[in-house]
Every structure is written in C-alpha cells, then in structure tokens.
Amino acid sequence: MGDPMRIRARVKGDVVEAHVLMPHPMETGFRHDDGGTLIEAHYITEIRIEAGGRPVMTARMGIGVSADPILTFRFRGAAKGDRIDVAWTDNRGDARTDSAIVG
C-alpha cells in the first residue's frame, strides 16, 4: 500500500474538476539499478473513481505512465459536500483507496 493520494475536487458551475496525485513508483520492469540488476515491474493497472456512491470513471494504466501520476478529469452529477473516492490496484496486488470532499 502506497502513500496517501492527494485529491482535490471543486465545483465550477455544474461540473466538478478533480485532480488526483497518486504516489507510486510506476516501474516498467525494463530499468536496471546501479548494480546492473533488473528492477522488477511495479505499476498501477486500474483506477476506479466514485462520487456520491456512483461510479464516475474506471481507467486502465500500464508501464508507459510516469512515477507519481497526476490524473485530472471533469464530470457532472456531484455537488459540493459529496464524497469522491479514488481507488487503485497495481500489478503486485497492492491497493489503495482515499477520499475527499467536493469543495
């Protein structure tokens, strides 16, 4: 389980704009350490987002995403005070879920 995600979601009119920083190494499995040993692949494979208990988005990721990815997206159907839940799983079976309140 990684460090906590930083989630910010703000209402602008009837649209919520959200920013999520996901601390994760996102290793491709193709890099070598200073000793020449191959670094094992470790990356987020799926992200699930809900707002107010309803699904907003599901995304699949792979090795082409940089370390500590930042995801920015907009959606309708949530209001100020609703809770947004962001969950990810990675290729090693690790998972993390964090929440924030829409402001």
N, C-alpha and C. Protein backbone atom coordinates (compact mmCIF):
# COMPACT_ATOMS: atom_id res chain seq x y z
N MET A 1 0.85 -1.18 0.00
CA MET A 1 0.00 0.00 0.00
C MET A 1 0.88 1.23 0.00
N GLY A 2 0.61 2.15 -0.88
CA GLY A 2 1.44 3.34 -1.02
C GLY A 2 1.06 4.47 -0.08
N ASP A 3 1.72 5.59 -0.28
CA ASP A 3 1.40 6.79 0.49
C ASP A 3 0.01 7.29 0.11
N PRO A 4 -0.61 8.11 0.98
CA PRO A 4 -1.95 8.63 0.68
C PRO A 4 -1.97 9.47 -0.60
N MET A 5 -3.05 9.33 -1.34
CA MET A 5 -3.26 10.17 -2.52
C MET A 5 -3.66 11.56 -2.08
N ARG A 6 -3.33 12.53 -2.90
CA ARG A 6 -3.80 13.91 -2.66
C ARG A 6 -4.89 14.16 -3.68
N ILE A 7 -6.09 14.42 -3.18
CA ILE A 7 -7.27 14.59 -4.03
C ILE A 7 -7.85 15.98 -3.80
N ARG A 8 -8.09 16.69 -4.89
CA ARG A 8 -8.76 17.99 -4.80
C ARG A 8 -9.87 17.99 -5.83
N ALA A 9 -11.08 18.30 -5.40
CA ALA A 9 -12.23 18.35 -6.30
C ALA A 9 -13.03 19.61 -5.99
N ARG A 10 -13.28 20.41 -7.01
CA ARG A 10 -14.00 21.68 -6.86
C ARG A 10 -15.13 21.76 -7.88
N VAL A 11 -16.26 22.32 -7.43
CA VAL A 11 -17.40 22.53 -8.32
C VAL A 11 -17.21 23.86 -9.05
N LYS A 12 -17.40 23.82 -10.37
CA LYS A 12 -17.38 25.03 -11.19
C LYS A 12 -18.64 24.99 -12.05
N GLY A 13 -19.65 25.71 -11.63
CA GLY A 13 -20.95 25.62 -12.31
C GLY A 13 -21.59 24.30 -11.95
N ASP A 14 -21.91 23.49 -12.96
CA ASP A 14 -22.46 22.15 -12.70
C ASP A 14 -21.44 21.05 -12.96
N VAL A 15 -20.17 21.44 -13.13
CA VAL A 15 -19.09 20.50 -13.42
C VAL A 15 -18.12 20.45 -12.25
N VAL A 16 -17.71 19.24 -11.90
CA VAL A 16 -16.69 19.06 -10.87
C VAL A 16 -15.36 18.82 -11.59
N GLU A 17 -14.34 19.58 -11.19
CA GLU A 17 -13.00 19.36 -11.72
C GLU A 17 -12.17 18.75 -10.60
N ALA A 18 -11.57 17.59 -10.88
CA ALA A 18 -10.82 16.87 -9.86
C ALA A 18 -9.37 16.67 -10.30
N HIS A 19 -8.48 16.71 -9.32
CA HIS A 19 -7.05 16.46 -9.52
C HIS A 19 -6.64 15.42 -8.49
N VAL A 20 -5.95 14.38 -8.94
CA VAL A 20 -5.51 13.32 -8.03
C VAL A 20 -4.03 13.05 -8.26
N LEU A 21 -3.24 13.15 -7.19
CA LEU A 21 -1.82 12.79 -7.22
C LEU A 21 -1.70 11.43 -6.54
N MET A 22 -1.18 10.44 -7.28
CA MET A 22 -1.07 9.08 -6.77
C MET A 22 0.41 8.71 -6.59
N PRO A 23 0.95 8.81 -5.37
CA PRO A 23 2.33 8.41 -5.16
C PRO A 23 2.51 6.91 -5.45
N HIS A 24 3.33 6.60 -6.43
CA HIS A 24 3.58 5.20 -6.81
C HIS A 24 4.84 5.17 -7.66
N PRO A 25 5.71 4.15 -7.52
CA PRO A 25 6.96 4.12 -8.27
C PRO A 25 6.78 3.94 -9.78
N MET A 26 5.75 3.25 -10.21
CA MET A 26 5.47 3.04 -11.64
C MET A 26 6.70 2.53 -12.39
N GLU A 27 7.29 1.45 -11.91
CA GLU A 27 8.46 0.84 -12.55
C GLU A 27 8.03 0.00 -13.75
N THR A 28 8.75 0.14 -14.86
CA THR A 28 8.40 -0.54 -16.10
C THR A 28 8.82 -2.00 -16.15
N GLY A 29 9.85 -2.34 -15.40
CA GLY A 29 10.41 -3.69 -15.48
C GLY A 29 11.54 -3.77 -16.49
N PHE A 30 11.89 -2.64 -17.11
CA PHE A 30 12.96 -2.61 -18.11
C PHE A 30 14.21 -1.87 -17.62
N ARG A 31 14.12 -1.19 -16.47
CA ARG A 31 15.27 -0.43 -15.96
C ARG A 31 16.16 -1.31 -15.09
N HIS A 32 17.42 -0.90 -14.97
CA HIS A 32 18.38 -1.59 -14.11
C HIS A 32 18.84 -0.64 -13.01
N ASP A 33 19.14 -1.19 -11.84
CA ASP A 33 19.68 -0.36 -10.76
C ASP A 33 21.17 -0.11 -11.01
N ASP A 34 21.83 0.60 -10.10
CA ASP A 34 23.24 0.94 -10.28
C ASP A 34 24.14 -0.28 -10.35
N GLY A 35 23.71 -1.39 -9.76
CA GLY A 35 24.49 -2.63 -9.80
C GLY A 35 24.22 -3.48 -11.03
N GLY A 36 23.34 -3.04 -11.91
CA GLY A 36 23.03 -3.77 -13.14
C GLY A 36 21.90 -4.77 -13.00
N THR A 37 21.28 -4.84 -11.83
CA THR A 37 20.17 -5.77 -11.60
C THR A 37 18.87 -5.17 -12.13
N LEU A 38 18.11 -5.99 -12.82
CA LEU A 38 16.83 -5.54 -13.38
C LEU A 38 15.86 -5.21 -12.25
N ILE A 39 15.22 -4.04 -12.33
CA ILE A 39 14.22 -3.62 -11.34
C ILE A 39 12.88 -4.22 -11.76
N GLU A 40 12.26 -4.95 -10.84
CA GLU A 40 11.00 -5.63 -11.12
C GLU A 40 9.89 -4.64 -11.45
N ALA A 41 9.02 -5.00 -12.37
CA ALA A 41 7.88 -4.16 -12.75
C ALA A 41 6.97 -3.93 -11.55
N HIS A 42 6.51 -2.69 -11.40
CA HIS A 42 5.60 -2.33 -10.32
C HIS A 42 4.84 -1.08 -10.77
N TYR A 43 3.60 -1.26 -11.21
CA TYR A 43 2.83 -0.15 -11.78
C TYR A 43 1.34 -0.32 -11.50
N ILE A 44 0.63 0.80 -11.49
CA ILE A 44 -0.82 0.80 -11.30
C ILE A 44 -1.46 0.23 -12.56
N THR A 45 -2.42 -0.66 -12.36
CA THR A 45 -3.11 -1.26 -13.50
C THR A 45 -4.53 -0.74 -13.68
N GLU A 46 -5.19 -0.35 -12.58
CA GLU A 46 -6.57 0.11 -12.70
C GLU A 46 -6.87 1.18 -11.65
N ILE A 47 -7.64 2.17 -12.08
CA ILE A 47 -8.12 3.23 -11.18
C ILE A 47 -9.64 3.25 -11.27
N ARG A 48 -10.29 3.33 -10.11
CA ARG A 48 -11.75 3.42 -10.04
C ARG A 48 -12.12 4.66 -9.24
N ILE A 49 -13.04 5.45 -9.77
CA ILE A 49 -13.45 6.68 -9.11
C ILE A 49 -14.97 6.70 -8.96
N GLU A 50 -15.40 7.04 -7.74
CA GLU A 50 -16.83 7.19 -7.45
C GLU A 50 -17.05 8.55 -6.81
N ALA A 51 -18.22 9.12 -7.04
CA ALA A 51 -18.61 10.38 -6.39
C ALA A 51 -20.03 10.21 -5.89
N GLY A 52 -20.24 10.46 -4.61
CA GLY A 52 -21.56 10.29 -4.03
C GLY A 52 -22.06 8.87 -4.13
N GLY A 53 -21.14 7.89 -4.14
CA GLY A 53 -21.52 6.49 -4.23
C GLY A 53 -21.81 5.98 -5.63
N ARG A 54 -21.68 6.85 -6.63
CA ARG A 54 -21.93 6.45 -8.02
C ARG A 54 -20.63 6.40 -8.80
N PRO A 55 -20.46 5.41 -9.71
CA PRO A 55 -19.24 5.34 -10.50
C PRO A 55 -19.10 6.54 -11.42
N VAL A 56 -17.90 7.10 -11.47
CA VAL A 56 -17.60 8.23 -12.35
C VAL A 56 -16.70 7.78 -13.49
N MET A 57 -15.69 6.96 -13.15
CA MET A 57 -14.72 6.59 -14.16
C MET A 57 -13.94 5.36 -13.72
N THR A 58 -13.57 4.55 -14.69
CA THR A 58 -12.61 3.48 -14.50
C THR A 58 -11.55 3.65 -15.57
N ALA A 59 -10.28 3.55 -15.18
CA ALA A 59 -9.19 3.72 -16.14
C ALA A 59 -8.19 2.59 -15.96
N ARG A 60 -7.63 2.15 -17.05
CA ARG A 60 -6.57 1.15 -17.03
C ARG A 60 -5.26 1.86 -17.36
N MET A 61 -4.21 1.48 -16.64
CA MET A 61 -2.90 2.09 -16.85
C MET A 61 -1.89 0.98 -17.14
N GLY A 62 -0.71 1.39 -17.57
CA GLY A 62 0.34 0.43 -17.86
C GLY A 62 1.70 1.01 -17.58
N ILE A 63 2.72 0.41 -18.16
CA ILE A 63 4.10 0.81 -17.86
C ILE A 63 4.50 2.14 -18.48
N GLY A 64 3.70 2.68 -19.36
CA GLY A 64 4.04 3.94 -20.03
C GLY A 64 3.71 5.19 -19.23
N VAL A 65 3.29 5.04 -17.98
CA VAL A 65 2.91 6.18 -17.15
C VAL A 65 4.04 6.47 -16.17
N SER A 66 4.36 7.75 -16.01
CA SER A 66 5.48 8.14 -15.15
C SER A 66 5.20 7.89 -13.67
N ALA A 67 6.26 7.93 -12.88
CA ALA A 67 6.13 7.78 -11.43
C ALA A 67 5.25 8.89 -10.87
N ASP A 68 4.54 8.59 -9.79
CA ASP A 68 3.65 9.54 -9.12
C ASP A 68 2.70 10.23 -10.10
N PRO A 69 1.87 9.45 -10.78
CA PRO A 69 0.99 10.05 -11.80
C PRO A 69 -0.01 11.03 -11.21
N ILE A 70 -0.34 12.03 -12.01
CA ILE A 70 -1.37 13.01 -11.67
C ILE A 70 -2.49 12.83 -12.69
N LEU A 71 -3.70 12.65 -12.20
CA LEU A 71 -4.86 12.47 -13.05
C LEU A 71 -5.79 13.66 -12.84
N THR A 72 -6.16 14.32 -13.92
CA THR A 72 -7.10 15.44 -13.87
C THR A 72 -8.28 15.09 -14.76
N PHE A 73 -9.49 15.30 -14.25
CA PHE A 73 -10.68 14.96 -15.02
C PHE A 73 -11.85 15.83 -14.56
N ARG A 74 -12.89 15.91 -15.39
CA ARG A 74 -14.11 16.65 -15.09
C ARG A 74 -15.30 15.72 -15.25
N PHE A 75 -16.31 15.96 -14.44
CA PHE A 75 -17.53 15.16 -14.55
C PHE A 75 -18.70 15.95 -13.98
N ARG A 76 -19.91 15.50 -14.32
CA ARG A 76 -21.14 16.09 -13.80
C ARG A 76 -21.81 15.09 -12.86
N GLY A 77 -22.73 15.58 -12.07
CA GLY A 77 -23.52 14.69 -11.24
C GLY A 77 -23.11 14.67 -9.78
N ALA A 78 -22.22 15.55 -9.37
CA ALA A 78 -21.85 15.65 -7.95
C ALA A 78 -22.02 17.10 -7.52
N ALA A 79 -22.20 17.28 -6.24
CA ALA A 79 -22.40 18.62 -5.70
C ALA A 79 -21.40 18.87 -4.59
N LYS A 80 -21.29 20.12 -4.21
CA LYS A 80 -20.42 20.50 -3.11
C LYS A 80 -20.83 19.70 -1.87
N GLY A 81 -19.86 19.13 -1.18
CA GLY A 81 -20.13 18.33 0.01
C GLY A 81 -20.19 16.83 -0.25
N ASP A 82 -20.32 16.42 -1.53
CA ASP A 82 -20.30 14.99 -1.85
C ASP A 82 -18.89 14.44 -1.65
N ARG A 83 -18.83 13.15 -1.39
CA ARG A 83 -17.53 12.50 -1.22
C ARG A 83 -17.08 11.88 -2.53
N ILE A 84 -15.81 12.04 -2.86
CA ILE A 84 -15.22 11.41 -4.03
C ILE A 84 -14.23 10.37 -3.51
N ASP A 85 -14.36 9.14 -4.01
CA ASP A 85 -13.49 8.03 -3.62
C ASP A 85 -12.64 7.63 -4.82
N VAL A 86 -11.34 7.52 -4.60
CA VAL A 86 -10.41 7.11 -5.65
C VAL A 86 -9.69 5.86 -5.16
N ALA A 87 -9.71 4.80 -5.97
CA ALA A 87 -9.06 3.54 -5.61
C ALA A 87 -8.19 3.08 -6.77
N TRP A 88 -7.02 2.54 -6.44
CA TRP A 88 -6.18 1.94 -7.46
C TRP A 88 -5.72 0.56 -7.02
N THR A 89 -5.39 -0.28 -8.01
CA THR A 89 -4.75 -1.57 -7.77
C THR A 89 -3.54 -1.63 -8.69
N ASP A 90 -2.52 -2.38 -8.28
CA ASP A 90 -1.34 -2.48 -9.14
C ASP A 90 -1.06 -3.93 -9.50
N ASN A 91 -0.03 -4.13 -10.31
CA ASN A 91 0.28 -5.45 -10.84
C ASN A 91 0.78 -6.42 -9.78
N ARG A 92 1.11 -5.95 -8.59
CA ARG A 92 1.54 -6.82 -7.50
C ARG A 92 0.40 -7.15 -6.54
N GLY A 93 -0.79 -6.65 -6.83
CA GLY A 93 -1.94 -6.91 -5.97
C GLY A 93 -2.12 -5.89 -4.85
N ASP A 94 -1.22 -4.90 -4.77
CA ASP A 94 -1.39 -3.83 -3.79
C ASP A 94 -2.58 -2.96 -4.19
N ALA A 95 -3.21 -2.35 -3.22
CA ALA A 95 -4.36 -1.48 -3.49
C ALA A 95 -4.39 -0.34 -2.49
N ARG A 96 -5.01 0.73 -2.90
CA ARG A 96 -5.16 1.88 -2.01
C ARG A 96 -6.46 2.58 -2.39
N THR A 97 -7.18 3.08 -1.37
CA THR A 97 -8.38 3.88 -1.57
C THR A 97 -8.29 5.11 -0.68
N ASP A 98 -8.55 6.27 -1.23
CA ASP A 98 -8.59 7.51 -0.47
C ASP A 98 -9.81 8.30 -0.89
N SER A 99 -10.23 9.22 -0.03
CA SER A 99 -11.43 10.02 -0.27
C SER A 99 -11.18 11.49 0.01
N ALA A 100 -12.02 12.31 -0.58
CA ALA A 100 -12.01 13.75 -0.33
C ALA A 100 -13.44 14.26 -0.49
N ILE A 101 -13.70 15.43 0.04
CA ILE A 101 -15.00 16.07 -0.09
C ILE A 101 -14.94 17.11 -1.21
N VAL A 102 -15.95 17.09 -2.06
CA VAL A 102 -16.02 18.05 -3.16
C VAL A 102 -16.25 19.44 -2.56
N GLY A 103 -15.40 20.38 -2.92
CA GLY A 103 -15.50 21.73 -2.38
C GLY A 103 -16.06 22.72 -3.38
